[in-house]
Amino acid sequence: MTDTIDDTTEEATGDVADEHAHDDHHGPTDAVFVKTFVFLAIVTALEVAASYVELGVAFLPILLGLMIAKFFTVVLVFMHVKYDAAIFGRLFYIGLALAAAVYLATLLTFQFFDS
């Protein structure tokens, strides 16, 4: 009976050791940070360039699209949402949606869009 318990204990501790070894490689590498930096620099340059070019009605949608791309890049890489458990990402996005809904409701309450 004790042999079975010892074998189970060894297997369990071996699995835990394997999990911890795997966690050491969890997260972005230096190359990911460099690629993220380059991407964010290019998008920022595009935003600055857009402010100097006459884009007419397309100006605001273009800037909003670039802003959203930068926001999600920062969230996914620097806040580790991409590398964490899926539940943390879901919680973040639920909170983001609730904050946007409250902000929109506030703007509607003060009749911001009527003018």
Protein backbone atom coordinates (compact mmCIF):
# COMPACT_ATOMS: atom_id res chain seq x y z
CA MET A 1 0.00 0.00 0.00
CA THR A 2 2.83 2.45 0.79
CA ASP A 3 4.47 1.71 -2.58
CA THR A 4 1.39 3.00 -4.38
CA ILE A 5 1.33 6.18 -2.31
CA ASP A 6 5.04 6.81 -2.91
CA ASP A 7 4.64 6.31 -6.67
CA THR A 8 1.68 8.69 -6.76
CA THR A 9 3.60 11.30 -4.77
CA GLU A 10 6.59 11.07 -7.12
CA GLU A 11 4.35 11.41 -10.17
CA ALA A 12 2.55 14.40 -8.70
CA THR A 13 5.74 16.23 -7.78
CA GLY A 14 7.21 15.44 -11.20
CA ASP A 15 4.17 17.00 -12.89
CA VAL A 16 4.44 20.11 -10.73
CA ALA A 17 8.14 20.44 -11.52
CA ASP A 18 7.35 20.16 -15.24
CA GLU A 19 4.70 22.88 -14.94
CA HIS A 20 7.10 25.25 -13.20
CA ALA A 21 9.76 24.61 -15.80
CA HIS A 22 7.21 25.46 -18.48
CA ASP A 23 6.22 28.68 -16.68
CA ASP A 24 9.77 30.00 -17.02
CA HIS A 25 9.17 30.42 -20.76
CA HIS A 26 5.79 32.07 -20.27
CA GLY A 27 5.52 35.58 -21.69
CA PRO A 28 6.95 37.69 -24.48
CA THR A 29 10.54 37.45 -25.62
CA ASP A 30 12.86 40.36 -26.29
CA ALA A 31 12.14 39.99 -30.01
CA VAL A 32 8.43 40.49 -29.35
CA PHE A 33 9.18 43.70 -27.46
CA VAL A 34 11.37 44.99 -30.30
CA LYS A 35 8.69 44.16 -32.89
CA THR A 36 6.09 45.85 -30.70
CA PHE A 37 8.28 48.95 -30.42
CA VAL A 38 8.73 49.12 -34.19
CA PHE A 39 4.99 48.65 -34.79
CA LEU A 40 4.04 51.33 -32.26
CA ALA A 41 6.64 53.75 -33.69
CA ILE A 42 5.27 53.24 -37.22
CA VAL A 43 1.66 53.72 -36.11
CA THR A 44 2.63 56.86 -34.17
CA ALA A 45 4.43 58.21 -37.25
CA LEU A 46 1.28 57.56 -39.29
CA GLU A 47 -0.81 59.44 -36.72
CA VAL A 48 1.54 62.42 -36.83
CA ALA A 49 1.60 62.33 -40.64
CA ALA A 50 -2.21 62.21 -40.71
CA SER A 51 -2.33 65.41 -38.68
CA TYR A 52 -0.31 67.24 -41.36
CA VAL A 53 -2.24 65.90 -44.37
CA GLU A 54 -5.71 67.13 -45.30
CA LEU A 55 -7.84 63.96 -45.07
CA GLY A 56 -11.23 65.63 -44.82
CA VAL A 57 -13.97 63.49 -43.33
CA ALA A 58 -11.68 60.44 -43.12
CA PHE A 59 -9.36 62.13 -40.59
CA LEU A 60 -11.19 61.09 -37.42
CA PRO A 61 -11.95 57.46 -38.44
CA ILE A 62 -8.31 56.96 -39.51
CA LEU A 63 -6.99 58.31 -36.21
CA LEU A 64 -9.49 56.25 -34.23
CA GLY A 65 -8.47 53.09 -36.12
CA LEU A 66 -4.78 53.76 -35.46
CA MET A 67 -5.56 54.48 -31.80
CA ILE A 68 -7.43 51.20 -31.44
CA ALA A 69 -4.55 49.28 -33.05
CA LYS A 70 -2.08 50.83 -30.59
CA PHE A 71 -4.38 50.26 -27.61
CA PHE A 72 -4.82 46.55 -28.28
CA THR A 73 -1.12 46.09 -29.03
CA VAL A 74 -0.18 47.61 -25.67
CA VAL A 75 -2.86 45.63 -23.84
CA LEU A 76 -1.93 42.31 -25.44
CA VAL A 77 1.86 42.61 -25.11
CA PHE A 78 2.71 44.93 -22.21
CA MET A 79 -0.23 43.98 -19.99
CA HIS A 80 0.41 40.29 -20.85
CA VAL A 81 -3.24 39.64 -21.74
CA LYS A 82 -2.05 37.56 -24.69
CA TYR A 83 0.14 35.39 -22.46
CA ASP A 84 -2.07 35.00 -19.37
CA ALA A 85 -4.96 32.66 -18.75
CA ALA A 86 -7.97 33.34 -20.97
CA ILE A 87 -10.13 34.30 -17.98
CA PHE A 88 -7.99 37.39 -17.33
CA GLY A 89 -8.45 38.54 -20.90
CA ARG A 90 -12.19 38.02 -20.68
CA LEU A 91 -12.37 39.97 -17.41
CA PHE A 92 -10.37 42.81 -18.95
CA TYR A 93 -12.60 43.01 -22.03
CA ILE A 94 -15.79 42.82 -19.94
CA GLY A 95 -14.52 45.72 -17.80
CA LEU A 96 -13.57 47.65 -20.94
CA ALA A 97 -17.03 47.12 -22.44
CA LEU A 98 -18.73 48.20 -19.20
CA ALA A 99 -16.57 51.34 -18.97
CA ALA A 100 -17.37 52.23 -22.59
CA ALA A 101 -21.09 51.66 -21.97
CA VAL A 102 -21.07 53.90 -18.87
CA TYR A 103 -19.17 56.61 -20.78
CA LEU A 104 -21.63 56.41 -23.69
CA ALA A 105 -24.60 56.50 -21.31
CA THR A 106 -23.15 59.58 -19.64
CA LEU A 107 -22.71 61.34 -22.99
CA LEU A 108 -26.28 60.46 -23.93
CA THR A 109 -27.57 61.72 -20.57
CA PHE A 110 -25.99 65.13 -21.12
CA GLN A 111 -27.30 65.16 -24.72
CA PHE A 112 -23.76 65.37 -26.12
CA PHE A 113 -24.79 63.98 -29.49
CA ASP A 114 -27.75 66.38 -30.00
CA SER A 115 -25.61 69.35 -30.94
